[in-house]
C-alpha cells in the first residue's frame, strides 16, 4: 500500500505535511505529492480536509 493524492481534489493547504511522521509528503506545483518514504500510517488521510488522500 501507499498513499496517493488526487490532484484534482488537493487544494494545497499543506495540512498533510505536518501530519506525516516521516516527512514523506512534498509540495509540487501547489499540490501534495507522497514520496517513497511513506509508511502507510494514514495520518495524512485523517488530516486532509478535502479527502484528497487515500491509501492504495
N, C-alpha and C. Protein backbone atom coordinates (compact mmCIF):
# COMPACT_ATOMS: atom_id res chain seq x y z
N UNK A 1 0.84 -1.19 0.00
CA UNK A 1 0.00 0.00 0.00
C UNK A 1 0.88 1.24 0.00
N UNK A 2 0.30 2.31 -0.49
CA UNK A 2 1.00 3.59 -0.47
C UNK A 2 -0.03 4.70 -0.55
N UNK A 3 0.31 5.85 0.03
CA UNK A 3 -0.58 6.99 -0.04
C UNK A 3 -0.63 7.54 -1.45
N UNK A 4 -1.80 7.99 -1.84
CA UNK A 4 -1.97 8.58 -3.17
C UNK A 4 -2.80 9.84 -3.04
N UNK A 5 -2.37 10.90 -3.71
CA UNK A 5 -3.08 12.17 -3.68
C UNK A 5 -3.85 12.36 -4.98
N UNK A 6 -5.12 12.69 -4.86
CA UNK A 6 -5.94 13.05 -6.02
C UNK A 6 -5.70 14.53 -6.28
N UNK A 7 -4.90 14.84 -7.28
CA UNK A 7 -4.51 16.24 -7.55
C UNK A 7 -5.69 17.11 -7.94
N UNK A 8 -6.77 16.50 -8.39
CA UNK A 8 -7.98 17.27 -8.72
C UNK A 8 -8.64 17.80 -7.45
N UNK A 9 -8.53 17.04 -6.36
CA UNK A 9 -9.16 17.43 -5.09
C UNK A 9 -8.23 18.26 -4.21
N UNK A 10 -6.93 18.04 -4.31
CA UNK A 10 -5.96 18.71 -3.43
C UNK A 10 -6.03 20.22 -3.63
N UNK A 11 -6.16 20.95 -2.50
CA UNK A 11 -6.23 22.41 -2.56
C UNK A 11 -4.92 23.07 -2.11
N UNK A 12 -3.91 22.25 -1.82
CA UNK A 12 -2.60 22.78 -1.46
C UNK A 12 -2.53 23.41 -0.08
N UNK A 13 -3.37 22.97 0.84
CA UNK A 13 -3.42 23.58 2.18
C UNK A 13 -2.24 23.18 3.06
N UNK A 14 -1.54 22.12 2.72
CA UNK A 14 -0.36 21.61 3.42
C UNK A 14 -0.65 21.00 4.79
N UNK A 15 -1.91 20.72 5.11
CA UNK A 15 -2.25 20.09 6.39
C UNK A 15 -1.58 18.73 6.51
N UNK A 16 -1.48 18.01 5.42
CA UNK A 16 -0.89 16.67 5.43
C UNK A 16 0.60 16.70 5.75
N UNK A 17 1.29 17.76 5.36
CA UNK A 17 2.72 17.84 5.60
C UNK A 17 3.03 17.76 7.08
N UNK A 18 2.28 18.48 7.89
CA UNK A 18 2.50 18.48 9.33
C UNK A 18 2.10 17.18 10.00
N UNK A 19 1.20 16.45 9.37
CA UNK A 19 0.71 15.19 9.95
C UNK A 19 1.65 14.03 9.69
N UNK A 20 2.45 14.11 8.66
CA UNK A 20 3.29 12.97 8.24
C UNK A 20 4.51 12.81 9.15
N UNK A 21 4.62 11.66 9.85
CA UNK A 21 5.75 11.46 10.76
C UNK A 21 7.09 11.21 10.06
N UNK A 22 7.06 10.85 8.79
CA UNK A 22 8.31 10.57 8.06
C UNK A 22 8.66 11.65 7.05
N UNK A 23 7.88 12.74 7.03
CA UNK A 23 8.09 13.83 6.08
C UNK A 23 8.11 13.31 4.65
N UNK A 24 7.20 12.37 4.36
CA UNK A 24 7.13 11.74 3.04
C UNK A 24 6.32 12.55 2.04
N UNK A 25 5.75 13.67 2.48
CA UNK A 25 4.91 14.47 1.59
C UNK A 25 5.63 15.77 1.24
N UNK A 26 5.68 16.07 -0.03
CA UNK A 26 6.28 17.31 -0.52
C UNK A 26 5.25 18.02 -1.39
N UNK A 27 5.47 19.29 -1.60
CA UNK A 27 4.57 20.05 -2.48
C UNK A 27 5.22 20.18 -3.85
N UNK A 28 4.45 19.90 -4.88
CA UNK A 28 4.90 20.07 -6.27
C UNK A 28 3.82 20.83 -7.00
N UNK A 29 4.18 21.99 -7.51
CA UNK A 29 3.25 22.83 -8.26
C UNK A 29 1.97 23.10 -7.48
N UNK A 30 2.13 23.33 -6.16
CA UNK A 30 1.00 23.69 -5.32
C UNK A 30 0.12 22.54 -4.88
N UNK A 31 0.55 21.32 -5.13
CA UNK A 31 -0.22 20.12 -4.76
C UNK A 31 0.67 19.19 -3.94
N UNK A 32 0.04 18.41 -3.05
CA UNK A 32 0.78 17.44 -2.26
C UNK A 32 1.20 16.26 -3.13
N UNK A 33 2.38 15.73 -2.84
CA UNK A 33 2.90 14.55 -3.53
C UNK A 33 3.53 13.65 -2.48
N UNK A 34 3.17 12.38 -2.48
CA UNK A 34 3.68 11.44 -1.49
C UNK A 34 4.85 10.65 -2.08
N UNK A 35 5.99 10.71 -1.38
CA UNK A 35 7.21 10.05 -1.85
C UNK A 35 7.28 8.61 -1.35
N UNK A 36 8.35 7.93 -1.74
CA UNK A 36 8.57 6.54 -1.35
C UNK A 36 8.85 6.37 0.14
N UNK A 37 9.04 7.47 0.86
CA UNK A 37 9.27 7.39 2.30
C UNK A 37 7.99 7.11 3.08
N UNK A 38 6.87 7.06 2.39
CA UNK A 38 5.57 6.80 3.02
C UNK A 38 5.56 5.44 3.70
N UNK A 39 5.07 5.41 4.96
CA UNK A 39 4.99 4.15 5.71
C UNK A 39 3.54 3.68 5.87
N UNK A 40 2.63 4.28 5.14
CA UNK A 40 1.22 3.87 5.13
C UNK A 40 0.54 3.98 6.49
N UNK A 41 0.90 4.99 7.26
CA UNK A 41 0.32 5.12 8.60
C UNK A 41 -1.09 5.71 8.57
N UNK A 42 -1.42 6.45 7.51
CA UNK A 42 -2.75 7.02 7.38
C UNK A 42 -2.95 8.37 8.05
N UNK A 43 -1.91 8.93 8.66
CA UNK A 43 -2.05 10.22 9.33
C UNK A 43 -2.48 11.31 8.36
N UNK A 44 -1.96 11.29 7.16
CA UNK A 44 -2.31 12.31 6.16
C UNK A 44 -3.76 12.17 5.71
N UNK A 45 -4.23 10.93 5.62
CA UNK A 45 -5.62 10.67 5.21
C UNK A 45 -6.56 11.31 6.22
N UNK A 46 -6.27 11.12 7.51
CA UNK A 46 -7.11 11.68 8.57
C UNK A 46 -7.07 13.20 8.59
N UNK A 47 -5.95 13.77 8.24
CA UNK A 47 -5.76 15.22 8.33
C UNK A 47 -6.31 16.00 7.14
N UNK A 48 -6.41 15.39 5.98
CA UNK A 48 -6.81 16.10 4.76
C UNK A 48 -8.27 16.56 4.85
N UNK A 49 -8.50 17.88 4.77
CA UNK A 49 -9.86 18.41 4.91
C UNK A 49 -10.75 18.19 3.68
N UNK A 50 -10.15 17.83 2.55
CA UNK A 50 -10.94 17.64 1.33
C UNK A 50 -10.92 16.19 0.84
N UNK A 51 -10.45 15.29 1.68
CA UNK A 51 -10.40 13.85 1.35
C UNK A 51 -9.69 13.56 0.02
N UNK A 52 -8.56 14.24 -0.18
CA UNK A 52 -7.81 14.07 -1.42
C UNK A 52 -6.79 12.94 -1.35
N UNK A 53 -6.60 12.36 -0.16
CA UNK A 53 -5.57 11.33 0.01
C UNK A 53 -6.21 10.00 0.38
N UNK A 54 -5.73 8.95 -0.28
CA UNK A 54 -6.18 7.60 0.02
C UNK A 54 -4.97 6.70 0.16
N UNK A 55 -5.15 5.58 0.84
CA UNK A 55 -4.10 4.56 0.91
C UNK A 55 -4.48 3.47 -0.08
N UNK A 56 -3.57 3.16 -0.98
CA UNK A 56 -3.84 2.15 -2.01
C UNK A 56 -2.77 1.09 -2.01
